[in-house]
Protein backbone atom coordinates (compact mmCIF):
# COMPACT_ATOMS: atom_id res chain seq x y z
CA UNK A 1 145.39 122.79 121.47
CA UNK A 2 148.18 122.02 119.00
CA UNK A 3 147.93 118.29 119.70
CA UNK A 4 144.18 118.36 119.10
CA UNK A 5 144.65 120.13 115.81
CA UNK A 6 147.20 117.56 114.60
CA UNK A 7 144.90 114.74 115.63
CA UNK A 8 141.99 116.16 113.62
CA UNK A 9 144.29 116.69 110.62
CA UNK A 10 145.51 113.09 110.70
CA UNK A 11 141.93 111.77 110.96
CA UNK A 12 140.78 113.89 108.01
CA UNK A 13 143.70 112.71 105.86
CA UNK A 14 143.03 109.12 106.79
CA UNK A 15 139.32 109.48 105.82
CA UNK A 16 140.34 111.04 102.51
CA UNK A 17 142.71 108.16 101.72
CA UNK A 18 140.10 105.54 102.61
CA UNK A 19 137.48 107.32 100.49
CA UNK A 20 139.89 107.41 97.54
CA UNK A 21 140.66 103.73 97.94
CA UNK A 22 136.92 102.96 97.80
CA UNK A 23 135.75 105.37 95.10
CA UNK A 24 138.58 105.19 92.53
CA UNK A 25 138.23 101.43 91.81
CA UNK A 26 134.48 101.79 91.51
CA UNK A 27 134.86 104.69 89.05
CA UNK A 28 137.40 102.70 87.04
CA UNK A 29 135.10 99.68 87.10
CA UNK A 30 132.10 101.67 85.92
CA UNK A 31 133.99 103.46 83.18
CA UNK A 32 135.10 100.14 81.77
CA UNK A 33 131.75 98.42 82.16
CA UNK A 34 129.32 97.77 79.32
CA UNK A 35 125.71 98.99 79.44
CA UNK A 36 124.48 95.43 80.00
CA UNK A 37 126.96 94.93 82.88
CA UNK A 38 125.79 98.19 84.42
CA UNK A 39 122.20 97.00 84.24
CA UNK A 40 123.09 93.73 85.98
CA UNK A 41 125.05 95.62 88.61
CA UNK A 42 122.06 97.89 89.28
CA UNK A 43 119.70 94.94 89.46
CA UNK A 44 121.92 93.23 92.03
CA UNK A 45 121.87 96.33 94.19
CA UNK A 46 118.10 96.70 93.91
CA UNK A 47 117.61 93.05 94.77
CA UNK A 48 119.69 93.50 97.92
CA UNK A 49 117.55 96.47 98.86
CA UNK A 50 114.31 94.63 98.09
CA UNK A 51 113.42 97.10 95.33
CA UNK A 52 112.87 94.70 92.45
CA UNK A 53 114.52 94.75 89.00
CA UNK A 54 115.29 97.24 86.31
CA UNK A 55 114.05 96.53 82.82
CA UNK A 56 115.09 98.06 79.53
CA UNK A 57 113.26 101.19 80.66
CA UNK A 58 115.14 102.12 83.84
CA UNK A 59 112.03 103.75 85.30
CA UNK A 60 109.78 100.69 85.01
CA UNK A 61 110.37 97.59 87.19
CA UNK A 62 110.01 94.29 85.37
CA UNK A 63 106.76 92.54 86.24
CA UNK A 64 104.81 95.79 86.14
CA UNK A 65 103.28 97.67 83.24
CA UNK A 66 105.22 100.51 81.71
CA UNK A 67 104.59 103.95 83.29
CA UNK A 68 101.84 104.87 80.82
CA UNK A 69 100.02 101.59 81.40
CA UNK A 70 100.39 101.91 85.18
CA UNK A 71 98.79 105.37 84.97
CA UNK A 72 95.94 103.88 82.93
CA UNK A 73 95.51 101.12 85.52
CA UNK A 74 95.30 103.62 88.38
CA UNK A 75 92.82 105.81 86.53
CA UNK A 76 90.70 102.86 85.46
CA UNK A 77 90.51 101.21 88.87
CA UNK A 78 86.98 102.51 89.49
CA UNK A 79 85.98 102.86 85.84
CA UNK A 80 82.42 102.06 84.78
CA UNK A 81 83.23 100.75 81.31
CA UNK A 82 79.55 100.66 80.38
CA UNK A 83 79.26 104.47 80.52
CA UNK A 84 80.68 106.19 77.48
CA UNK A 85 80.28 106.93 73.81
CA UNK A 86 80.70 105.31 70.40
CA UNK A 87 83.32 107.11 68.31
CA UNK A 88 84.31 106.74 64.66
CA UNK A 89 87.78 105.20 64.39
CA UNK A 90 89.73 104.78 61.16
CA UNK A 91 91.77 101.97 62.81
CA UNK A 92 88.70 99.74 62.93
CA UNK A 93 88.00 96.95 62.21
CA UNK A 94 90.75 95.04 64.01
CA UNK A 95 90.77 92.26 61.38
CA UNK A 96 89.36 91.54 57.93
CA UNK A 97 86.07 89.71 57.58
CA UNK A 98 87.25 88.50 54.17
CA UNK A 99 90.50 87.04 55.48
CA UNK A 100 89.55 85.45 58.81
CA UNK A 101 88.11 82.38 57.08
CA UNK A 102 90.07 79.90 59.18
CA UNK A 103 88.26 80.91 62.39
CA UNK A 104 85.10 82.79 61.44
CA UNK A 105 81.85 80.89 60.80
CA UNK A 106 80.44 81.65 57.36
CA UNK A 107 77.01 82.41 58.84
CA UNK A 108 78.52 85.39 60.71
CA UNK A 109 80.95 86.67 58.07
CA UNK A 110 78.90 89.51 56.61
CA UNK A 111 81.72 90.56 54.27
CA UNK A 112 81.05 87.35 52.36
CA UNK A 113 77.28 87.94 52.12
CA UNK A 114 75.11 90.25 50.06
CA UNK A 115 75.62 93.12 52.48
CA UNK A 116 77.14 96.23 50.91
CA UNK A 117 77.29 98.68 53.84
CA UNK A 118 80.08 98.21 56.40
CA UNK A 119 80.08 101.45 58.36
CA UNK A 120 79.17 99.42 61.46
CA UNK A 121 82.75 98.08 61.47
CA UNK A 122 84.36 101.51 61.91
CA UNK A 123 83.44 102.48 65.49
CA UNK A 124 85.03 101.94 68.88
CA UNK A 125 83.70 102.38 72.40
CA UNK A 126 85.25 105.05 74.65
CA UNK A 127 84.28 104.87 78.35
CA UNK A 128 83.88 108.22 80.11
CA UNK A 129 86.83 109.20 82.27
CA UNK A 130 88.88 106.10 81.44
CA UNK A 131 91.86 105.46 79.21
CA UNK A 132 91.64 102.31 77.12
CA UNK A 133 94.85 100.30 76.59
CA UNK A 134 95.71 99.65 72.95
CA UNK A 135 93.89 96.49 71.94
CA UNK A 136 95.59 94.29 69.35
CA UNK A 137 96.39 90.65 68.82
CA UNK A 138 100.05 90.96 69.90
CA UNK A 139 99.12 92.99 72.99
CA UNK A 140 96.47 90.47 73.98
CA UNK A 141 98.80 87.49 73.56
CA UNK A 142 101.54 89.26 75.52
CA UNK A 143 99.12 89.95 78.37
CA UNK A 144 97.92 86.34 78.29
CA UNK A 145 101.34 84.68 78.06
CA UNK A 146 101.23 81.19 79.61
CA UNK A 147 97.52 81.67 80.37
CA UNK A 148 94.17 80.23 79.30
CA UNK A 149 91.04 82.23 78.45
CA UNK A 150 87.77 80.28 78.53
CA UNK A 151 84.42 81.40 77.17
CA UNK A 152 81.48 79.32 78.43
CA UNK A 153 77.99 80.10 77.22
CA UNK A 154 75.63 80.12 74.24
CA UNK A 155 76.04 81.13 70.58
CA UNK A 156 76.68 84.76 71.60
CA UNK A 157 79.57 83.45 73.68
CA UNK A 158 80.75 81.58 70.62
CA UNK A 159 80.68 84.83 68.64
CA UNK A 160 82.84 86.49 71.29
CA UNK A 161 85.23 83.52 71.15
CA UNK A 162 85.55 83.70 67.35
CA UNK A 163 86.03 87.45 67.54
CA UNK A 164 88.92 86.98 69.99
CA UNK A 165 90.54 84.31 67.83
CA UNK A 166 90.33 86.60 64.78
CA UNK A 167 91.85 89.47 66.77
CA UNK A 168 94.62 87.31 68.21
CA UNK A 169 95.63 86.10 64.73
CA UNK A 170 95.00 89.43 63.02
CA UNK A 171 92.50 87.53 60.90
CA UNK A 172 95.35 85.81 59.06
CA UNK A 173 95.81 82.16 58.19
CA UNK A 174 97.74 80.75 61.14
CA UNK A 175 98.88 77.13 60.67
CA UNK A 176 101.06 77.36 63.77
CA UNK A 177 98.02 77.62 66.07
CA UNK A 178 97.36 74.21 67.62
CA UNK A 179 94.00 72.53 68.09
CA UNK A 180 94.09 71.36 71.72
CA UNK A 181 90.39 70.58 72.12
CA UNK A 182 91.22 67.00 73.08
CA UNK A 183 92.77 68.28 76.34
CA UNK A 184 89.33 69.50 77.41
CA UNK A 185 87.22 66.67 76.01
CA UNK A 186 86.16 68.87 73.09
CA UNK A 187 86.02 66.24 70.36
CA UNK A 188 83.21 65.59 67.94
CA UNK A 189 81.03 62.72 69.13
CA UNK A 190 79.78 60.13 66.58
CA UNK A 191 76.74 61.52 64.79
CA UNK A 192 77.14 65.02 66.21
CA UNK A 193 77.13 68.09 63.95
CA UNK A 194 79.99 69.67 65.88
CA UNK A 195 81.93 69.24 69.13
CA UNK A 196 80.75 70.87 72.36
CA UNK A 197 83.46 73.47 71.91
CA UNK A 198 86.91 74.34 70.60
CA UNK A 199 90.31 75.12 72.13
CA UNK A 200 93.32 76.61 70.36
CA UNK A 201 96.84 77.20 71.64
CA UNK A 202 99.17 79.93 70.37
CA UNK A 203 102.64 78.35 70.80
CA UNK A 204 104.56 81.64 70.63
CA UNK A 205 103.13 82.78 73.97
CA UNK A 206 101.62 79.51 75.21
CA UNK A 207 98.20 81.16 75.22
CA UNK A 208 95.04 79.05 74.96
CA UNK A 209 91.61 80.38 73.96
CA UNK A 210 88.66 78.03 74.27
CA UNK A 211 84.88 77.97 74.06
CA UNK A 212 82.48 75.51 75.62
CA UNK A 213 78.83 75.41 74.63
CA UNK A 214 76.48 75.64 77.60
CA UNK A 215 73.31 77.56 76.86
CA UNK A 216 72.17 77.51 80.51
CA UNK A 217 75.48 77.23 82.45
CA UNK A 218 73.68 74.55 84.48
CA UNK A 219 74.37 70.87 85.01
CA UNK A 220 72.24 68.63 82.78
CA UNK A 221 71.42 65.15 84.01
CA UNK A 222 69.79 62.45 81.89
CA UNK A 223 66.48 61.37 83.43
CA UNK A 224 65.29 58.38 81.37
CA UNK A 225 68.07 56.60 79.54
CA UNK A 226 65.75 53.93 78.09
CA UNK A 227 63.69 56.42 76.10
CA UNK A 228 64.95 57.39 72.63
CA UNK A 229 63.84 60.97 73.30
CA UNK A 230 65.18 61.45 76.79
CA UNK A 231 64.49 64.32 79.14
CA UNK A 232 67.14 66.15 81.15
CA UNK A 233 67.12 67.59 84.62
CA UNK A 234 68.46 71.13 84.41
CA UNK A 235 69.87 71.79 87.89
CA UNK A 236 69.51 75.50 88.52
CA UNK A 237 71.87 75.44 91.51
CA UNK A 238 74.69 73.36 90.00
CA UNK A 239 77.30 74.62 87.50
CA UNK A 240 77.73 72.78 84.22
CA UNK A 241 79.97 69.71 84.64
CA UNK A 242 82.62 71.06 82.25
CA UNK A 243 83.31 73.94 84.62
CA UNK A 244 83.69 71.66 87.62
CA UNK A 245 86.15 69.51 85.67
CA UNK A 246 88.36 72.20 84.12
CA UNK A 247 87.99 75.48 86.02
CA UNK A 248 91.38 74.86 87.67
CA UNK A 249 92.94 75.16 84.18
CA UNK A 250 91.60 78.67 83.49
CA UNK A 251 93.22 82.02 84.19
CA UNK A 252 90.36 84.09 82.74
CA UNK A 253 86.75 82.88 82.59
CA UNK A 254 83.91 84.62 80.75
CA UNK A 255 80.37 83.28 81.31
CA UNK A 256 77.12 84.17 79.56
CA UNK A 257 73.57 82.88 79.35
CA UNK A 258 70.10 84.25 78.70
CA UNK A 259 68.57 83.68 75.28
CA UNK A 260 67.67 80.02 75.82
CA UNK A 261 65.52 80.71 78.86
CA UNK A 262 62.19 80.49 77.05
CA UNK A 263 59.51 77.80 76.78
CA UNK A 264 60.29 77.02 73.15
CA UNK A 265 63.90 76.15 73.92
CA UNK A 266 63.00 74.19 77.05
CA UNK A 267 60.41 72.10 75.20
CA UNK A 268 62.72 71.54 72.22
CA UNK A 269 65.64 70.53 74.45
CA UNK A 270 63.49 68.40 76.80
CA UNK A 271 64.77 70.30 79.82
CA UNK A 272 63.02 69.99 83.17
CA UNK A 273 63.75 72.40 86.00
CA UNK A 274 65.38 71.05 89.15
CA UNK A 275 66.60 72.77 92.32
CA UNK A 276 68.08 71.21 95.45
CA UNK A 277 68.01 67.88 93.63
CA UNK A 278 64.22 67.90 93.20
CA UNK A 279 61.80 68.91 90.40
CA UNK A 280 60.69 72.51 90.69
CA UNK A 281 57.05 71.67 89.99
CA UNK A 282 54.66 74.61 89.81
CA UNK A 283 56.36 76.81 92.38
CA UNK A 284 57.92 80.24 91.93
CA UNK A 285 60.90 78.81 90.08
CA UNK A 286 58.61 77.48 87.35
CA UNK A 287 58.81 81.04 86.02
CA UNK A 288 61.80 80.91 83.67
CA UNK A 289 62.98 84.40 84.52
CA UNK A 290 63.19 83.47 88.20
CA UNK A 291 64.82 80.17 87.25
CA UNK A 292 67.48 81.96 85.20
CA UNK A 293 68.12 84.43 88.02
CA UNK A 294 68.70 81.57 90.45
CA UNK A 295 71.23 80.06 88.05
CA UNK A 296 73.06 83.39 87.70
CA UNK A 297 73.13 83.79 91.49
CA UNK A 298 74.25 80.20 92.06
CA UNK A 299 77.02 80.15 89.48
CA UNK A 300 78.39 83.53 90.58
CA UNK A 301 78.78 82.19 94.11
CA UNK A 302 80.25 78.91 92.96
CA UNK A 303 82.86 80.76 90.88
CA UNK A 304 83.50 83.08 93.83
CA UNK A 305 84.27 80.04 95.99
CA UNK A 306 86.81 78.94 93.37
CA UNK A 307 88.37 82.41 93.32
CA UNK A 308 88.93 82.19 97.07
CA UNK A 309 91.53 79.49 96.49
CA UNK A 310 92.72 80.82 93.12
CA UNK A 311 92.98 84.61 93.56
CA UNK A 312 95.09 84.96 90.42
CA UNK A 313 92.14 83.89 88.24
CA UNK A 314 89.78 86.54 86.86
CA UNK A 315 86.12 85.72 86.22
CA UNK A 316 83.47 87.73 84.39
CA UNK A 317 79.73 87.35 83.90
CA UNK A 318 78.85 88.96 80.58
CA UNK A 319 75.46 90.63 80.45
CA UNK A 320 72.76 89.87 77.87
CA UNK A 321 73.36 90.75 74.25
CA UNK A 322 70.28 92.69 73.08
CA UNK A 323 67.87 91.62 70.35
CA UNK A 324 66.57 94.18 67.85
CA UNK A 325 63.51 92.53 66.31
CA UNK A 326 60.74 94.94 65.31
CA UNK A 327 57.20 94.10 64.15
CA UNK A 328 57.47 90.51 65.32
CA UNK A 329 60.00 87.90 66.37
CA UNK A 330 62.37 85.75 64.32
CA UNK A 331 59.53 83.37 63.32
CA UNK A 332 56.69 85.90 63.06
CA UNK A 333 58.04 88.37 60.53
CA UNK A 334 60.28 90.40 62.82
CA UNK A 335 63.06 92.32 61.13
CA UNK A 336 66.00 94.68 61.76
CA UNK A 337 66.83 96.33 58.48
CA UNK A 338 68.62 99.45 59.77
CA UNK A 339 71.94 100.28 58.10
CA UNK A 340 72.48 103.70 59.73
CA UNK A 341 74.97 103.61 62.62
CA UNK A 342 73.93 105.20 65.91
CA UNK A 343 70.49 106.26 64.72
CA UNK A 344 69.28 105.72 68.31
CA UNK A 345 72.10 107.69 69.91
CA UNK A 346 75.77 107.14 70.61
CA UNK A 347 76.08 107.55 74.38
CA UNK A 348 75.31 105.62 77.58
CA UNK A 349 75.12 107.70 80.77
CA UNK A 350 73.36 105.41 83.27
CA UNK A 351 75.19 104.02 86.29
CA UNK A 352 73.54 100.59 86.37
CA UNK A 353 73.31 97.81 83.83
CA UNK A 354 70.33 97.19 81.60
CA UNK A 355 70.75 93.56 82.71
CA UNK A 356 69.89 94.00 86.38
CA UNK A 357 69.65 90.24 87.17
CA UNK A 358 73.29 89.79 86.10
CA UNK A 359 74.37 92.87 88.05
CA UNK A 360 72.61 91.62 91.17
CA UNK A 361 74.02 88.11 90.72
CA UNK A 362 77.68 89.21 91.01
CA UNK A 363 77.09 91.68 93.83
CA UNK A 364 79.09 90.64 96.88
CA UNK A 365 81.35 88.30 94.88
CA UNK A 366 84.75 88.58 93.24
CA UNK A 367 83.13 87.90 89.85
CA UNK A 368 83.19 91.01 87.68
CA UNK A 369 80.37 92.20 85.45
CA UNK A 370 81.25 92.53 81.76
CA UNK A 371 78.42 94.93 80.97
CA UNK A 372 77.76 95.19 77.24
CA UNK A 373 73.94 95.42 77.11
CA UNK A 374 73.21 99.15 76.87
CA UNK A 375 76.31 99.73 74.71
CA UNK A 376 75.21 97.08 72.21
CA UNK A 377 71.59 98.30 72.34
CA UNK A 378 72.70 101.38 70.39
CA UNK A 379 74.00 99.29 67.48
CA UNK A 380 70.91 97.82 65.81
CA UNK A 381 72.58 98.12 62.39
CA UNK A 382 75.24 95.56 63.34
CA UNK A 383 73.06 92.44 63.12
CA UNK A 384 73.12 89.88 60.32
CA UNK A 385 69.48 90.63 59.49
CA UNK A 386 68.41 88.96 56.22
CA UNK A 387 71.82 89.05 54.53
CA UNK A 388 72.79 85.42 54.14
CA UNK A 389 74.99 83.19 52.02
CA UNK A 390 71.91 81.44 50.69
CA UNK A 391 68.80 82.69 48.96
CA UNK A 392 66.67 84.96 51.19
CA UNK A 393 64.23 83.03 53.39
CA UNK A 394 62.30 85.96 54.83
CA UNK A 395 63.76 85.23 58.27
CA UNK A 396 65.86 87.96 59.87
CA UNK A 397 68.62 87.28 62.39
CA UNK A 398 68.37 90.23 64.76
CA UNK A 399 70.10 88.37 67.58
CA UNK A 400 73.56 87.46 66.25
CA UNK A 401 76.05 90.04 65.03
CA UNK A 402 78.13 90.50 61.91
CA UNK A 403 81.83 89.86 62.47
CA UNK A 404 83.92 91.99 62.52
CA UNK A 405 81.47 93.97 64.59
CA UNK A 406 79.99 94.56 68.02
CA UNK A 407 81.45 91.48 69.80
CA UNK A 408 84.94 92.90 69.08
CA UNK A 409 84.03 95.70 71.48
CA UNK A 410 83.06 93.16 74.16
CA UNK A 411 86.57 91.73 73.91
CA UNK A 412 88.14 95.18 74.04
CA UNK A 413 86.34 95.86 77.32
CA UNK A 414 87.45 92.44 78.58
CA UNK A 415 91.08 93.21 77.66
CA UNK A 416 90.91 96.55 79.49
CA UNK A 417 89.95 94.75 82.70
CA UNK A 418 92.54 91.97 82.60
């Protein structure tokens, strides 16, 4: 019994000595270690355990959003951003329409026109049951560091592009921003009024924002090169050539089309419908609505095939921007003179988009729907109307929007889903 007791006592003393030899140096080391050295020490331990890194905030691993943003991400995973309400917000607009002259087309800068009411600038969209991340130029550029955002579509896509450029710069003169259009073939051709698009790089974060003009999103092929007024085959089932050439360069892609799918535009542009490499003729696809729907379906699946090999890319199909002509169209006396915000209501409660063809087109694909139709439908006072830089012509623009204005909200919803 006595021998057993002595044995246990010796073992306990030996364990105590070994523990002291291990712990005391570590305590001395830690007491004499700087905060930065402690952080590195902790990171090394976490790396060994496969637990990642510690950032400046010890509770948030680097490479992830901070805790608040991670909570927002979890809550917003199943968010329907198109359901919600317009709210007055004293922090709007996000940039000045008087100052963003470097990027904003004069024909859309309503602050420089005869318009005197600007209440339409002071609202933001709040989806039901979702938390919106703070949208600002610095936050956007940080999120898009070393990435490229491409808008491809018609003049409404160009408005969204200019809105994003104004937000990214804060509407300020920014000589450091580089014109990199040449990298994407976006140079003005001899005799052309403008290039097919624009691309700008923000060197501080290596972020590129570009726009390419494609009113139909479809490949156009010259049919008769010998004729001075040539016709073009518009291939409903082929994406525009620009996308096939440069899609590998994009991290975020936003597509839109819709307002050029009418007989007037097709006749004026000398477009002829083709599918499967052959003229459509007088079949079902001769109906331009069906033709447009085939293009939406085709391009969504083509982009989906690209996403299969590039899962880090995000792609969106933006729904139709609504027109607000009353008592006629743009060339038959139609107008949109409202200046009262939200006179038709402030809330959207429906589960499905007002642009059902676009919603159906992305179904079953990895392409997301950027649904802005019903939200924008409530904002008839945000159009350019008959306020112009020139003398009134009697023609109202109830299609395009004043900037700052409604397209800023489209970009805020895009940012929330990146």
